[in-house]
C-alpha atoms as a PDB file:
ATOM      1  CA  MET A   1     110.716  -6.159 -31.858  1.00  0.00           C
ATOM      2  CA  SER A   2     108.766  -9.423 -31.870  1.00  0.00           C
ATOM      3  CA  SER A   3     110.177 -12.808 -32.875  1.00  0.00           C
ATOM      4  CA  ALA A   4     108.086 -12.735 -36.065  1.00  0.00           C
ATOM      5  CA  GLU A   5     109.532  -9.329 -36.990  1.00  0.00           C
ATOM      6  CA  LEU A   6     113.065 -10.586 -36.395  1.00  0.00           C
ATOM      7  CA  LEU A   7     112.438 -13.616 -38.587  1.00  0.00           C
ATOM      8  CA  LEU A   8     110.925 -11.446 -41.303  1.00  0.00           C
ATOM      9  CA  GLY A   9     114.010  -9.257 -41.128  1.00  0.00           C
ATOM     10  CA  HIS A  10     116.207 -12.279 -41.806  1.00  0.00           C
ATOM     11  CA  LEU A  11     114.121 -13.042 -44.904  1.00  0.00           C
ATOM     12  CA  GLY A  12     114.692  -9.463 -46.026  1.00  0.00           C
ATOM     13  CA  ASP A  13     111.369  -8.877 -47.763  1.00  0.00           C
ATOM     14  CA  LEU A  14     108.015  -7.739 -46.336  1.00  0.00           C
ATOM     15  CA  GLN A  15     106.155  -9.668 -49.034  1.00  0.00           C
ATOM     16  CA  PHE A  16     106.734 -12.853 -47.018  1.00  0.00           C
ATOM     17  CA  GLU A  17     104.956 -11.537 -43.907  1.00  0.00           C
ATOM     18  CA  ASP A  18     101.642 -13.308 -44.515  1.00  0.00           C
ATOM     19  CA  ASP A  19     103.350 -16.584 -45.362  1.00  0.00           C
ATOM     20  CA  LEU A  20     105.560 -16.384 -42.283  1.00  0.00           C
ATOM     21  CA  ASN A  21     102.668 -15.592 -39.934  1.00  0.00           C
ATOM     22  CA  MET A  22     100.731 -18.510 -41.393  1.00  0.00           C
ATOM     23  CA  VAL A  23     103.634 -20.899 -40.788  1.00  0.00           C
ATOM     24  CA  LEU A  24     104.210 -19.668 -37.230  1.00  0.00           C
ATOM     25  CA  GLN A  25     100.531 -20.054 -36.432  1.00  0.00           C
ATOM     26  CA  TRP A  26     100.475 -23.601 -37.825  1.00  0.00           C
ATOM     27  CA  LEU A  27     103.390 -24.615 -35.578  1.00  0.00           C
ATOM     28  CA  SER A  28     101.121 -24.488 -32.530  1.00  0.00           C
ATOM     29  CA  PRO A  29      99.951 -28.020 -31.570  1.00  0.00           C
ATOM     30  CA  GLN A  30      96.460 -26.627 -31.003  1.00  0.00           C
ATOM     31  CA  GLU A  31      96.506 -25.468 -34.607  1.00  0.00           C
ATOM     32  CA  HIS A  32      97.898 -28.467 -36.497  1.00  0.00           C
ATOM     33  CA  GLN A  33      96.602 -31.257 -34.175  1.00  0.00           C
ATOM     34  CA  SER A  34      99.066 -33.649 -35.849  1.00  0.00           C
ATOM     35  CA  ARG A  35      97.241 -33.337 -39.154  1.00  0.00           C
ATOM     36  CA  PRO A  36      98.918 -32.448 -42.464  1.00  0.00           C
ATOM     37  CA  PRO A  37      98.857 -28.733 -43.281  1.00  0.00           C
ATOM     38  CA  SER A  38      96.417 -27.360 -45.805  1.00  0.00           C
ATOM     39  CA  LEU A  39      97.575 -26.624 -49.328  1.00  0.00           C
ATOM     40  CA  ARG A  40      97.828 -22.936 -48.423  1.00  0.00           C
ATOM     41  CA  VAL A  41     100.064 -23.661 -45.445  1.00  0.00           C
ATOM     42  CA  ARG A  42     102.169 -26.113 -47.470  1.00  0.00           C
ATOM     43  CA  THR A  43     102.686 -23.402 -50.079  1.00  0.00           C
ATOM     44  CA  ALA A  44     103.656 -20.911 -47.354  1.00  0.00           C
ATOM     45  CA  ILE A  45     106.175 -23.372 -45.885  1.00  0.00           C
ATOM     46  CA  LYS A  46     107.695 -23.988 -49.325  1.00  0.00           C
ATOM     47  CA  THR A  47     107.937 -20.249 -50.058  1.00  0.00           C
ATOM     48  CA  ILE A  48     109.543 -19.451 -46.713  1.00  0.00           C
ATOM     49  CA  MET A  49     112.069 -22.285 -46.874  1.00  0.00           C
ATOM     50  CA  GLN A  50     113.078 -21.365 -50.435  1.00  0.00           C
ATOM     51  CA  HIS A  51     114.128 -17.928 -49.189  1.00  0.00           C
ATOM     52  CA  ALA A  52     115.488 -19.016 -45.797  1.00  0.00           C
ATOM     53  CA  ASN A  53     119.090 -18.465 -44.756  1.00  0.00           C
ATOM     54  CA  GLU A  54     121.167 -19.590 -41.783  1.00  0.00           C
ATOM     55  CA  PRO A  55     120.139 -16.717 -39.439  1.00  0.00           C
ATOM     56  CA  PHE A  56     116.493 -17.354 -40.293  1.00  0.00           C
ATOM     57  CA  ASN A  57     116.805 -21.100 -39.674  1.00  0.00           C
ATOM     58  CA  ASP A  58     118.478 -20.520 -36.301  1.00  0.00           C
ATOM     59  CA  GLY A  59     115.857 -17.946 -35.379  1.00  0.00           C
ATOM     60  CA  LEU A  60     112.992 -20.230 -36.386  1.00  0.00           C
ATOM     61  CA  CYS A  61     114.419 -23.036 -34.249  1.00  0.00           C
ATOM     62  CA  LEU A  62     114.731 -20.723 -31.245  1.00  0.00           C
ATOM     63  CA  TYR A  63     111.171 -19.510 -31.812  1.00  0.00           C
ATOM     64  CA  TYR A  64     109.883 -23.071 -31.919  1.00  0.00           C
ATOM     65  CA  TYR A  65     111.897 -24.248 -28.925  1.00  0.00           C
ATOM     66  CA  ASP A  66     110.430 -21.414 -26.846  1.00  0.00           C
ATOM     67  CA  LEU A  67     106.986 -22.528 -27.987  1.00  0.00           C
ATOM     68  CA  VAL A  68     107.781 -26.120 -26.978  1.00  0.00           C
ATOM     69  CA  ARG A  69     108.837 -25.081 -23.463  1.00  0.00           C
ATOM     70  CA  LYS A  70     105.704 -22.973 -23.002  1.00  0.00           C
ATOM     71  CA  GLU A  71     103.415 -25.791 -24.162  1.00  0.00           C
ATOM     72  CA  CYS A  72     104.979 -28.377 -21.853  1.00  0.00           C
ATOM     73  CA  LEU A  73     105.094 -26.103 -18.811  1.00  0.00           C
ATOM     74  CA  SER A  74     101.540 -24.951 -19.467  1.00  0.00           C
ATOM     75  CA  LEU A  75     100.372 -28.562 -19.234  1.00  0.00           C
ATOM     76  CA  THR A  76     102.403 -29.469 -16.159  1.00  0.00           C
ATOM     77  CA  GLU A  77     102.300 -26.279 -14.103  1.00  0.00           C
ATOM     78  CA  ASN A  78      98.615 -25.574 -14.647  1.00  0.00           C
ATOM     79  CA  ASN A  79      97.801 -29.146 -13.559  1.00  0.00           C
ATOM     80  CA  PRO A  80     100.719 -30.069 -11.256  1.00  0.00           C
ATOM     81  CA  THR A  81      98.952 -32.958  -9.483  1.00  0.00           C
ATOM     82  CA  THR A  82      96.660 -34.246 -12.224  1.00  0.00           C
ATOM     83  CA  PHE A  83      98.631 -34.288 -15.487  1.00  0.00           C
ATOM     84  CA  THR A  84      99.724 -37.726 -16.610  1.00  0.00           C
ATOM     85  CA  TYR A  85     102.571 -39.399 -18.465  1.00  0.00           C
ATOM     86  CA  SER A  86     100.153 -40.238 -21.289  1.00  0.00           C
ATOM     87  CA  GLN A  87      99.167 -36.578 -21.657  1.00  0.00           C
ATOM     88  CA  LEU A  88     102.807 -35.534 -21.754  1.00  0.00           C
ATOM     89  CA  ILE A  89     103.659 -38.171 -24.367  1.00  0.00           C
ATOM     90  CA  LYS A  90     100.708 -37.073 -26.482  1.00  0.00           C
ATOM     91  CA  LEU A  91     101.897 -33.468 -26.320  1.00  0.00           C
ATOM     92  CA  GLU A  92     105.494 -34.435 -27.175  1.00  0.00           C
ATOM     93  CA  ASN A  93     104.266 -36.322 -30.240  1.00  0.00           C
ATOM     94  CA  LYS A  94     102.388 -33.213 -31.366  1.00  0.00           C
ATOM     95  CA  LEU A  95     105.501 -31.108 -30.839  1.00  0.00           C
ATOM     96  CA  TYR A  96     107.589 -33.485 -32.972  1.00  0.00           C
ATOM     97  CA  TYR A  97     104.985 -33.535 -35.739  1.00  0.00           C
ATOM     98  CA  PRO A  98     106.011 -30.305 -37.576  1.00  0.00           C
ATOM     99  CA  LEU A  99     109.445 -31.827 -38.252  1.00  0.00           C
ATOM    100  CA  GLU A 100     107.822 -33.905 -40.999  1.00  0.00           C
ATOM    101  CA  PHE A 101     107.258 -30.689 -42.967  1.00  0.00           C
ATOM    102  CA  ILE A 102     109.994 -28.400 -41.606  1.00  0.00           C
ATOM    103  CA  PRO A 103     113.007 -30.682 -40.952  1.00  0.00           C
ATOM    104  CA  ILE A 104     115.293 -27.833 -39.824  1.00  0.00           C
ATOM    105  CA  LEU A 105     113.319 -27.714 -36.565  1.00  0.00           C
ATOM    106  CA  LYS A 106     115.163 -30.867 -35.546  1.00  0.00           C
ATOM    107  CA  GLY A 107     118.188 -28.660 -34.844  1.00  0.00           C
ATOM    108  CA  THR A 108     121.772 -28.425 -35.971  1.00  0.00           C
ATOM    109  CA  SER A 109     123.587 -30.126 -33.087  1.00  0.00           C
ATOM    110  CA  GLU A 110     122.978 -32.253 -30.005  1.00  0.00           C
ATOM    111  CA  ASP A 111     122.871 -29.175 -27.764  1.00  0.00           C
ATOM    112  CA  HIS A 112     120.764 -27.163 -30.222  1.00  0.00           C
ATOM    113  CA  SER A 113     117.943 -29.554 -31.019  1.00  0.00           C
ATOM    114  CA  LEU A 114     114.329 -30.337 -30.275  1.00  0.00           C
ATOM    115  CA  ASP A 115     115.451 -33.520 -28.478  1.00  0.00           C
ATOM    116  CA  HIS A 116     117.663 -31.495 -26.161  1.00  0.00           C
ATOM    117  CA  VAL A 117     114.842 -29.073 -25.349  1.00  0.00           C
ATOM    118  CA  LEU A 118     112.295 -31.799 -24.603  1.00  0.00           C
ATOM    119  CA  PHE A 119     114.771 -33.865 -22.564  1.00  0.00           C
ATOM    120  CA  SER A 120     115.596 -30.745 -20.535  1.00  0.00           C
ATOM    121  CA  VAL A 121     111.906 -30.110 -19.896  1.00  0.00           C
ATOM    122  CA  ARG A 122     111.497 -33.725 -18.782  1.00  0.00           C
ATOM    123  CA  HIS A 123     114.458 -33.279 -16.440  1.00  0.00           C
ATOM    124  CA  TYR A 124     112.839 -30.222 -14.864  1.00  0.00           C
ATOM    125  CA  ILE A 125     109.477 -31.960 -14.462  1.00  0.00           C
ATOM    126  CA  MET A 126     111.008 -35.150 -13.057  1.00  0.00           C
ATOM    127  CA  ASP A 127     113.182 -33.334 -10.541  1.00  0.00           C
ATOM    128  CA  THR A 128     110.573 -30.859  -9.291  1.00  0.00           C
ATOM    129  CA  ASN A 129     107.348 -32.890  -9.250  1.00  0.00           C
ATOM    130  CA  LYS A 130     107.422 -35.656  -6.648  1.00  0.00           C
ATOM    131  CA  ASN A 131     103.785 -36.550  -7.300  1.00  0.00           C
ATOM    132  CA  PHE A 132     104.573 -37.246 -10.963  1.00  0.00           C
ATOM    133  CA  ARG A 133     107.592 -39.364 -10.014  1.00  0.00           C
ATOM    134  CA  ASN A 134     105.440 -41.447  -7.679  1.00  0.00           C
ATOM    135  CA  LYS A 135     102.869 -42.038 -10.415  1.00  0.00           C
ATOM    136  CA  LEU A 136     105.637 -43.213 -12.760  1.00  0.00           C
ATOM    137  CA  LYS A 137     106.939 -45.603 -10.095  1.00  0.00           C
ATOM    138  CA  GLU A 138     103.464 -47.070  -9.720  1.00  0.00           C
ATOM    139  CA  ARG A 139     103.182 -47.389 -13.491  1.00  0.00           C
ATOM    140  CA  ILE A 140     106.510 -49.244 -13.753  1.00  0.00           C
ATOM    141  CA  GLN A 141     105.504 -51.560 -10.898  1.00  0.00           C
ATOM    142  CA  HIS A 142     102.179 -52.320 -12.578  1.00  0.00           C
ATOM    143  CA  LEU A 143     103.739 -52.930 -16.010  1.00  0.00           C
ATOM    144  CA  ILE A 144     106.242 -55.378 -14.523  1.00  0.00           C
ATOM    145  CA  GLU A 145     103.489 -57.198 -12.639  1.00  0.00           C
ATOM    146  CA  GLU A 146     101.554 -57.489 -15.908  1.00  0.00           C
ATOM    147  CA  GLU A 147     104.783 -58.492 -17.748  1.00  0.00           C
ATOM    148  CA  ASP A 148     104.338 -55.653 -20.258  1.00  0.00           C
ATOM    149  CA  TYR A 149     108.092 -55.416 -20.675  1.00  0.00           C
ATOM    150  CA  ASP A 150     108.143 -53.662 -24.061  1.00  0.00           C
ATOM    151  CA  ILE A 151     105.912 -50.824 -22.836  1.00  0.00           C
ATOM    152  CA  CYS A 152     107.873 -50.644 -19.587  1.00  0.00           C
ATOM    153  CA  GLN A 153     111.176 -50.486 -21.483  1.00  0.00           C
ATOM    154  CA  THR A 154     109.853 -47.523 -23.504  1.00  0.00           C
ATOM    155  CA  LEU A 155     108.881 -45.745 -20.288  1.00  0.00           C
ATOM    156  CA  ILE A 156     112.270 -46.418 -18.691  1.00  0.00           C
ATOM    157  CA  GLN A 157     114.063 -45.052 -21.767  1.00  0.00           C
ATOM    158  CA  TRP A 158     111.851 -41.951 -21.610  1.00  0.00           C
ATOM    159  CA  ILE A 159     112.906 -41.428 -17.999  1.00  0.00           C
ATOM    160  CA  ASP A 160     116.584 -42.147 -18.728  1.00  0.00           C
ATOM    161  CA  ASP A 161     116.585 -39.527 -21.500  1.00  0.00           C
ATOM    162  CA  SER A 162     115.619 -36.899 -18.915  1.00  0.00           C
ATOM    163  CA  ARG A 163     118.826 -37.597 -16.962  1.00  0.00           C
ATOM    164  CA  SER A 164     116.856 -36.982 -13.797  1.00  0.00           C
ATOM    165  CA  THR A 165     118.865 -36.733 -10.599  1.00  0.00           C
ATOM    166  CA  GLU A 166     115.803 -37.657  -8.518  1.00  0.00           C
ATOM    167  CA  PHE A 167     114.605 -40.809 -10.282  1.00  0.00           C
ATOM    168  CA  ASN A 168     116.779 -43.800 -11.147  1.00  0.00           C
ATOM    169  CA  ALA A 169     114.380 -45.990 -13.157  1.00  0.00           C
ATOM    170  CA  LYS A 170     116.753 -48.948 -13.448  1.00  0.00           C
ATOM    171  CA  GLY A 171     117.465 -48.726  -9.737  1.00  0.00           C
ATOM    172  CA  LEU A 172     113.724 -49.066  -9.169  1.00  0.00           C
ATOM    173  CA  VAL A 173     113.646 -52.119 -11.452  1.00  0.00           C
ATOM    174  CA  LEU A 174     116.409 -53.713  -9.369  1.00  0.00           C
ATOM    175  CA  ASP A 175     114.432 -53.069  -6.186  1.00  0.00           C
ATOM    176  CA  ILE A 176     111.360 -54.681  -7.753  1.00  0.00           C
ATOM    177  CA  LEU A 177     113.500 -57.637  -8.871  1.00  0.00           C
ATOM    178  CA  LEU A 178     114.839 -58.216  -5.356  1.00  0.00           C
ATOM    179  CA  ASN A 179     111.365 -57.910  -3.838  1.00  0.00           C
ATOM    180  CA  LYS A 180     110.071 -60.452  -6.357  1.00  0.00           C
ATOM    181  CA  ILE A 181     112.829 -62.867  -5.379  1.00  0.00           C
ATOM    182  CA  GLU A 182     111.939 -62.468  -1.715  1.00  0.00           C
ATOM    183  CA  ASP A 183     108.254 -63.108  -2.438  1.00  0.00           C
ATOM    184  CA  ILE A 184     109.090 -66.225  -4.474  1.00  0.00           C
ATOM    185  CA  CYS A 185     111.309 -67.544  -1.711  1.00  0.00           C
ATOM    186  CA  LYS A 186     108.630 -66.994   0.953  1.00  0.00           C
ATOM    187  CA  GLN A 187     106.152 -68.957  -1.137  1.00  0.00           C
ATOM    188  CA  GLU A 188     108.387 -71.803  -2.310  1.00  0.00           C
ATOM    189  CA  MET A 189     111.186 -72.297   0.199  1.00  0.00           C
ATOM    190  CA  VAL A 190     108.912 -72.574   3.212  1.00  0.00           C
ATOM    191  CA  LYS A 191     107.456 -75.727   1.643  1.00  0.00           C
ATOM    192  CA  LEU A 192     110.817 -77.226   0.689  1.00  0.00           C
ATOM    193  CA  TRP A 193     113.353 -75.802   3.123  1.00  0.00           C
ATOM    194  CA  LYS A 194     114.641 -79.280   4.056  1.00  0.00           C
ATOM    195  CA  ASP A 195     115.472 -80.014   0.422  1.00  0.00           C
ATOM    196  CA  HIS A 196     119.110 -79.071  -0.215  1.00  0.00           C
ATOM    197  CA  GLN A 197     118.233 -78.452  -3.864  1.00  0.00           C
ATOM    198  CA  VAL A 198     115.607 -75.800  -3.068  1.00  0.00           C
ATOM    199  CA  VAL A 199     117.934 -72.882  -3.827  1.00  0.00           C
ATOM    200  CA  GLU A 200     118.876 -74.243  -7.243  1.00  0.00           C
ATOM    201  CA  TYR A 201     115.256 -75.093  -8.009  1.00  0.00           C
ATOM    202  CA  THR A 202     113.789 -71.675  -7.132  1.00  0.00           C
ATOM    203  CA  TYR A 203     116.723 -69.875  -8.771  1.00  0.00           C
ATOM    204  CA  GLY A 204     116.325 -71.939 -11.936  1.00  0.00           C
ATOM    205  CA  GLN A 205     112.590 -71.244 -12.111  1.00  0.00           C
ATOM    206  CA  PHE A 206     113.174 -67.528 -11.644  1.00  0.00           C
ATOM    207  CA  MET A 207     115.875 -67.369 -14.329  1.00  0.00           C
ATOM    208  CA  LYS A 208     113.624 -69.254 -16.753  1.00  0.00           C
ATOM    209  CA  ASN A 209     110.365 -67.399 -16.141  1.00  0.00           C
ATOM    210  CA  SER A 210     111.199 -63.914 -14.848  1.00  0.00           C
ATOM    211  CA  TRP A 211     114.808 -63.042 -15.620  1.00  0.00           C
ATOM    212  CA  PRO A 212     114.430 -62.455 -19.405  1.00  0.00           C
ATOM    213  CA  GLY A 213     111.982 -59.597 -18.734  1.00  0.00           C
ATOM    214  CA  PHE A 214     114.201 -57.975 -16.119  1.00  0.00           C
ATOM    215  CA  GLN A 215     117.244 -58.507 -18.345  1.00  0.00           C
ATOM    216  CA  GLN A 216     115.446 -56.532 -21.068  1.00  0.00           C
ATOM    217  CA  LEU A 217     114.493 -53.694 -18.694  1.00  0.00           C
ATOM    218  CA  LEU A 218     117.994 -53.436 -17.247  1.00  0.00           C
ATOM    219  CA  GLY A 219     119.580 -53.431 -20.698  1.00  0.00           C
ATOM    220  CA  ILE A 220     121.936 -56.314 -19.907  1.00  0.00           C
ATOM    221  CA  PRO A 221     123.263 -58.092 -23.016  1.00  0.00           C
ATOM    222  CA  GLU A 222     123.401 -61.885 -22.954  1.00  0.00           C
ATOM    223  CA  ASP A 223     127.177 -62.011 -23.348  1.00  0.00           C
ATOM    224  CA  GLN A 224     127.530 -59.917 -20.190  1.00  0.00           C
ATOM    225  CA  GLU A 225     125.251 -62.091 -18.098  1.00  0.00           C
ATOM    226  CA  THR A 226     127.205 -65.241 -18.948  1.00  0.00           C
ATOM    227  CA  ARG A 227     130.724 -63.862 -18.731  1.00  0.00           C
ATOM    228  CA  ASP A 228     133.161 -65.360 -16.271  1.00  0.00           C
ATOM    229  CA  VAL A 229     133.975 -63.543 -13.098  1.00  0.00           C
ATOM    230  CA  ALA A 230     137.075 -61.488 -13.877  1.00  0.00           C
ATOM    231  CA  ASN A 231     138.062 -60.881 -10.277  1.00  0.00           C
ATOM    232  CA  ASP A 232     136.626 -60.888  -6.781  1.00  0.00           C
ATOM    233  CA  LYS A 233     134.993 -57.470  -7.328  1.00  0.00           C
ATOM    234  CA  ASP A 234     133.468 -58.215 -10.733  1.00  0.00           C
ATOM    235  CA  THR A 235     130.472 -60.514 -10.375  1.00  0.00           C
ATOM    236  CA  SER A 236     127.795 -61.153 -12.988  1.00  0.00           C
ATOM    237  CA  ILE A 237     124.219 -60.103 -12.277  1.00  0.00           C
ATOM    238  CA  PRO A 238     122.920 -63.719 -12.347  1.00  0.00           C
ATOM    239  CA  GLN A 239     125.520 -64.631  -9.705  1.00  0.00           C
ATOM    240  CA  LEU A 240     124.319 -61.757  -7.513  1.00  0.00           C
ATOM    241  CA  ILE A 241     120.760 -63.001  -7.971  1.00  0.00           C
ATOM    242  CA  HIS A 242     121.844 -66.525  -6.979  1.00  0.00           C
ATOM    243  CA  ASP A 243     123.496 -65.107  -3.876  1.00  0.00           C
ATOM    244  CA  HIS A 244     120.240 -63.358  -2.980  1.00  0.00           C
ATOM    245  CA  PHE A 245     118.363 -66.654  -3.255  1.00  0.00           C
ATOM    246  CA  GLU A 246     120.883 -68.263  -0.917  1.00  0.00           C
ATOM    247  CA  LYS A 247     120.486 -65.377   1.523  1.00  0.00           C
ATOM    248  CA  GLN A 248     116.721 -65.837   1.553  1.00  0.00           C
ATOM    249  CA  PHE A 249     117.125 -69.589   2.137  1.00  0.00           C
ATOM    250  CA  ILE A 250     119.350 -68.948   5.138  1.00  0.00           C
ATOM    251  CA  ASN A 251     116.887 -66.414   6.562  1.00  0.00           C
ATOM    252  CA  ILE A 252     113.940 -68.793   6.151  1.00  0.00           C
ATOM    253  CA  ARG A 253     115.821 -71.801   7.504  1.00  0.00           C
END
């Protein structure tokens, strides 16, 4: 028995078959293309949802979540080295679109939801496709260089939602931060290494010009960055950054 037949069985009346098939067909992103349904499809959706019950709603969600997995894996596995983050985002947006007209597709709980399905697919893609991970790393590096922190923050959140075990986006941001400090020190401290204020000067310039962007990407609230050191093992991020500047000064000197 097909999924459509099971869903029709939950509705309990064969007269809804045409309406149901029309709704299921419209759910495909190739069909709706993120455009509002026609009047006929809207009427079918309204008719189906007026006669829906809990088993039908659960079954419709399962049907749609299977469709979501197939669409995502079709994109990524048919083009494992060429698909892009932008293509995946575009597809995800299309897969979220039907929720505007059929809200139950959102799901009934955190573990039974469209979010959970898409985050799980992201997790699979992130952990199995090294080429894709490398492209995301390059994208993050480029966005930070261009100081596009808002776009970069959105990308980092997208990665964090996947709960990937192979890609720590904020860890990458920290690496980029430390490399930036080292580059700044090589450029500035070599000129002023005899000046005992060089560490404070380069640190102050970094905290003024670069730190706010990194603070945003790392999700560090202002009250945390300025808190006092509670004990020898609890040091604020700015203090660790200052220590890194001092380390670079010693190495250069």
